[in-house]
Amino acid sequence: MFSVTVREHLMIAHSFRGEVFGPAQRLHGATYLVDATFRRAELDADNIVVDIGLATRELAAVVAAFNYRNLDEEPGFAGVNTSTEFLAKVVADRLADRVHAGALGEGARGLTGITVTLHESHIAWASYERTL
């Protein structure tokens, strides 16, 4: 299996509901490194997994939709605990939509999966992996 990973960053504010979150129930900020890994079994006609420039551009566009925002105030996240795991899935699903729409080029139609990892810190991160 071949893979290519591109990286972006994301800065948000949010709060959580539930005792399990302790002090994170209060409004707080989070800064993530966001890695998006694209996979395929065989390289395309140009011997690449995906166009890195297009993958970088599309990841940046997905992240920009909620960068520097308080997610508690975003209608799409109303009543949701926007955990690191949850946000990894949101980014992966939105990237998958862009792959299916052709935004990453025709060669990207041969991709078989995406994994998105959000790094909360140098010691903690969460990922979501999905097929295409």
C-alpha atoms as a PDB file:
ATOM      1  CA  MET A   1       0.000   0.000   0.000  1.00  0.00           C
ATOM      2  CA  PHE A   2       1.319   3.441  -0.954  1.00  0.00           C
ATOM      3  CA  SER A   3       0.556   6.584   1.013  1.00  0.00           C
ATOM      4  CA  VAL A   4       1.165  10.321   0.942  1.00  0.00           C
ATOM      5  CA  THR A   5       0.592  12.610   3.916  1.00  0.00           C
ATOM      6  CA  VAL A   6       0.048  16.365   3.870  1.00  0.00           C
ATOM      7  CA  ARG A   7      -0.152  18.623   6.911  1.00  0.00           C
ATOM      8  CA  GLU A   8      -2.045  21.717   8.042  1.00  0.00           C
ATOM      9  CA  HIS A   9      -2.862  23.267  11.416  1.00  0.00           C
ATOM     10  CA  LEU A  10      -6.139  24.170  13.068  1.00  0.00           C
ATOM     11  CA  MET A  11      -6.897  26.561  15.931  1.00  0.00           C
ATOM     12  CA  ILE A  12     -10.319  26.413  17.569  1.00  0.00           C
ATOM     13  CA  ALA A  13     -12.160  27.190  20.776  1.00  0.00           C
ATOM     14  CA  HIS A  14     -14.760  24.861  22.255  1.00  0.00           C
ATOM     15  CA  SER A  15     -16.139  23.359  25.450  1.00  0.00           C
ATOM     16  CA  PHE A  16     -17.415  19.921  26.377  1.00  0.00           C
ATOM     17  CA  ARG A  17     -20.409  18.551  28.229  1.00  0.00           C
ATOM     18  CA  GLY A  18     -19.898  15.707  30.687  1.00  0.00           C
ATOM     19  CA  GLU A  19     -17.955  15.051  33.868  1.00  0.00           C
ATOM     20  CA  VAL A  20     -15.424  12.915  31.975  1.00  0.00           C
ATOM     21  CA  PHE A  21     -14.002  16.149  30.502  1.00  0.00           C
ATOM     22  CA  GLY A  22     -13.193  17.774  33.859  1.00  0.00           C
ATOM     23  CA  PRO A  23     -11.936  21.342  33.405  1.00  0.00           C
ATOM     24  CA  ALA A  24     -12.340  21.081  29.614  1.00  0.00           C
ATOM     25  CA  GLN A  25     -16.072  21.581  30.222  1.00  0.00           C
ATOM     26  CA  ARG A  26     -15.204  25.279  30.308  1.00  0.00           C
ATOM     27  CA  LEU A  27     -14.447  27.175  27.106  1.00  0.00           C
ATOM     28  CA  HIS A  28     -10.843  26.569  26.072  1.00  0.00           C
ATOM     29  CA  GLY A  29      -8.651  26.691  23.005  1.00  0.00           C
ATOM     30  CA  ALA A  30      -6.996  23.897  21.079  1.00  0.00           C
ATOM     31  CA  THR A  31      -4.328  23.966  18.404  1.00  0.00           C
ATOM     32  CA  TYR A  32      -3.941  20.855  16.270  1.00  0.00           C
ATOM     33  CA  LEU A  33      -1.501  19.663  13.683  1.00  0.00           C
ATOM     34  CA  VAL A  34      -3.683  17.983  11.075  1.00  0.00           C
ATOM     35  CA  ASP A  35      -2.201  15.145   9.000  1.00  0.00           C
ATOM     36  CA  ALA A  36      -4.181  13.740   6.080  1.00  0.00           C
ATOM     37  CA  THR A  37      -2.846  10.477   4.661  1.00  0.00           C
ATOM     38  CA  PHE A  38      -4.098   9.291   1.278  1.00  0.00           C
ATOM     39  CA  ARG A  39      -3.731   5.582   0.367  1.00  0.00           C
ATOM     40  CA  ARG A  40      -3.843   3.424  -2.709  1.00  0.00           C
ATOM     41  CA  ALA A  41      -2.591  -0.044  -3.647  1.00  0.00           C
ATOM     42  CA  GLU A  42      -1.044   0.985  -6.976  1.00  0.00           C
ATOM     43  CA  LEU A  43       0.454   4.251  -8.161  1.00  0.00           C
ATOM     44  CA  ASP A  44      -1.462   6.187 -10.820  1.00  0.00           C
ATOM     45  CA  ALA A  45      -0.326   6.720 -14.426  1.00  0.00           C
ATOM     46  CA  ASP A  46       2.103   9.424 -13.220  1.00  0.00           C
ATOM     47  CA  ASN A  47       3.555   7.123 -10.524  1.00  0.00           C
ATOM     48  CA  ILE A  48       2.078   9.122  -7.658  1.00  0.00           C
ATOM     49  CA  VAL A  49      -0.487   8.462  -4.943  1.00  0.00           C
ATOM     50  CA  VAL A  50      -2.116  11.884  -5.253  1.00  0.00           C
ATOM     51  CA  ASP A  51      -1.080  15.337  -6.418  1.00  0.00           C
ATOM     52  CA  ILE A  52       0.522  16.743  -3.251  1.00  0.00           C
ATOM     53  CA  GLY A  53      -0.274  20.308  -4.247  1.00  0.00           C
ATOM     54  CA  LEU A  54      -3.968  19.552  -4.721  1.00  0.00           C
ATOM     55  CA  ALA A  55      -4.101  17.486  -1.514  1.00  0.00           C
ATOM     56  CA  THR A  56      -2.477  20.334   0.431  1.00  0.00           C
ATOM     57  CA  ARG A  57      -4.860  22.889  -1.074  1.00  0.00           C
ATOM     58  CA  GLU A  58      -7.959  20.819  -0.301  1.00  0.00           C
ATOM     59  CA  LEU A  59      -6.878  20.034   3.259  1.00  0.00           C
ATOM     60  CA  ALA A  60      -6.292  23.758   3.846  1.00  0.00           C
ATOM     61  CA  ALA A  61      -9.763  24.546   2.475  1.00  0.00           C
ATOM     62  CA  VAL A  62     -11.428  21.954   4.710  1.00  0.00           C
ATOM     63  CA  VAL A  63      -9.607  23.205   7.806  1.00  0.00           C
ATOM     64  CA  ALA A  64     -10.296  26.867   6.956  1.00  0.00           C
ATOM     65  CA  ALA A  65     -14.031  26.221   7.332  1.00  0.00           C
ATOM     66  CA  PHE A  66     -13.647  26.125  11.127  1.00  0.00           C
ATOM     67  CA  ASN A  67     -10.189  27.547  11.812  1.00  0.00           C
ATOM     68  CA  TYR A  68     -10.125  30.381  14.395  1.00  0.00           C
ATOM     69  CA  ARG A  69     -13.737  29.721  15.359  1.00  0.00           C
ATOM     70  CA  ASN A  70     -15.559  28.861  18.536  1.00  0.00           C
ATOM     71  CA  LEU A  71     -17.103  25.534  17.560  1.00  0.00           C
ATOM     72  CA  ASP A  72     -19.743  25.949  20.275  1.00  0.00           C
ATOM     73  CA  GLU A  73     -21.174  28.759  18.108  1.00  0.00           C
ATOM     74  CA  GLU A  74     -21.111  26.866  14.795  1.00  0.00           C
ATOM     75  CA  PRO A  75     -24.584  25.592  13.789  1.00  0.00           C
ATOM     76  CA  GLY A  76     -23.145  22.373  12.334  1.00  0.00           C
ATOM     77  CA  PHE A  77     -21.673  21.462  15.713  1.00  0.00           C
ATOM     78  CA  ALA A  78     -24.581  22.540  17.944  1.00  0.00           C
ATOM     79  CA  GLY A  79     -24.943  20.222  20.925  1.00  0.00           C
ATOM     80  CA  VAL A  80     -21.942  18.082  19.894  1.00  0.00           C
ATOM     81  CA  ASN A  81     -18.823  17.370  21.923  1.00  0.00           C
ATOM     82  CA  THR A  82     -16.238  18.341  19.317  1.00  0.00           C
ATOM     83  CA  SER A  83     -13.602  15.945  20.598  1.00  0.00           C
ATOM     84  CA  THR A  84     -10.351  15.374  18.753  1.00  0.00           C
ATOM     85  CA  GLU A  85     -11.707  12.039  17.510  1.00  0.00           C
ATOM     86  CA  PHE A  86     -14.908  13.662  16.249  1.00  0.00           C
ATOM     87  CA  LEU A  87     -13.017  16.434  14.442  1.00  0.00           C
ATOM     88  CA  ALA A  88     -10.706  13.895  12.773  1.00  0.00           C
ATOM     89  CA  LYS A  89     -13.803  12.231  11.290  1.00  0.00           C
ATOM     90  CA  VAL A  90     -15.248  15.563  10.151  1.00  0.00           C
ATOM     91  CA  VAL A  91     -12.027  16.440   8.311  1.00  0.00           C
ATOM     92  CA  ALA A  92     -11.741  12.951   6.760  1.00  0.00           C
ATOM     93  CA  ASP A  93     -15.354  12.965   5.574  1.00  0.00           C
ATOM     94  CA  ARG A  94     -15.033  16.429   4.054  1.00  0.00           C
ATOM     95  CA  LEU A  95     -11.821  15.404   2.277  1.00  0.00           C
ATOM     96  CA  ALA A  96     -13.564  12.288   0.968  1.00  0.00           C
ATOM     97  CA  ASP A  97     -16.340  14.492  -0.436  1.00  0.00           C
ATOM     98  CA  ARG A  98     -13.701  16.554  -2.248  1.00  0.00           C
ATOM     99  CA  VAL A  99     -12.030  13.428  -3.648  1.00  0.00           C
ATOM    100  CA  HIS A 100     -15.390  12.194  -4.972  1.00  0.00           C
ATOM    101  CA  ALA A 101     -16.113  15.635  -6.469  1.00  0.00           C
ATOM    102  CA  GLY A 102     -12.829  15.514  -8.419  1.00  0.00           C
ATOM    103  CA  ALA A 103     -11.114  18.369  -6.556  1.00  0.00           C
ATOM    104  CA  LEU A 104      -7.927  16.317  -6.130  1.00  0.00           C
ATOM    105  CA  GLY A 105      -7.751  15.458  -9.837  1.00  0.00           C
ATOM    106  CA  GLU A 106      -8.707  12.445 -11.913  1.00  0.00           C
ATOM    107  CA  GLY A 107      -5.785  10.401 -10.588  1.00  0.00           C
ATOM    108  CA  ALA A 108      -7.229  10.673  -7.087  1.00  0.00           C
ATOM    109  CA  ARG A 109     -10.214   8.561  -8.136  1.00  0.00           C
ATOM    110  CA  GLY A 110      -7.958   5.520  -7.565  1.00  0.00           C
ATOM    111  CA  LEU A 111      -7.480   6.342  -3.882  1.00  0.00           C
ATOM    112  CA  THR A 112      -8.735   3.640  -1.545  1.00  0.00           C
ATOM    113  CA  GLY A 113      -8.627   5.402   1.804  1.00  0.00           C
ATOM    114  CA  ILE A 114      -7.895   8.437   3.923  1.00  0.00           C
ATOM    115  CA  THR A 115      -6.630   8.678   7.486  1.00  0.00           C
ATOM    116  CA  VAL A 116      -6.809  11.999   9.314  1.00  0.00           C
ATOM    117  CA  THR A 117      -4.794  12.477  12.486  1.00  0.00           C
ATOM    118  CA  LEU A 118      -5.203  15.473  14.777  1.00  0.00           C
ATOM    119  CA  HIS A 119      -2.217  15.996  17.065  1.00  0.00           C
ATOM    120  CA  GLU A 120      -3.332  17.729  20.270  1.00  0.00           C
ATOM    121  CA  SER A 121       0.209  17.848  21.593  1.00  0.00           C
ATOM    122  CA  HIS A 122       3.536  16.072  21.291  1.00  0.00           C
ATOM    123  CA  ILE A 123       2.166  13.267  23.489  1.00  0.00           C
ATOM    124  CA  ALA A 124      -1.489  12.869  22.427  1.00  0.00           C
ATOM    125  CA  TRP A 125      -3.335  12.521  19.116  1.00  0.00           C
ATOM    126  CA  ALA A 126      -6.362  10.842  17.593  1.00  0.00           C
ATOM    127  CA  SER A 127      -7.080   9.472  14.120  1.00  0.00           C
ATOM    128  CA  TYR A 128      -9.990   8.494  11.952  1.00  0.00           C
ATOM    129  CA  GLU A 129      -9.520   6.116   9.020  1.00  0.00           C
ATOM    130  CA  ARG A 130     -12.048   5.597   6.262  1.00  0.00           C
ATOM    131  CA  THR A 131     -12.305   3.952   2.868  1.00  0.00           C
ATOM    132  CA  LEU A 132     -13.152   5.789  -0.313  1.00  0.00           C
END
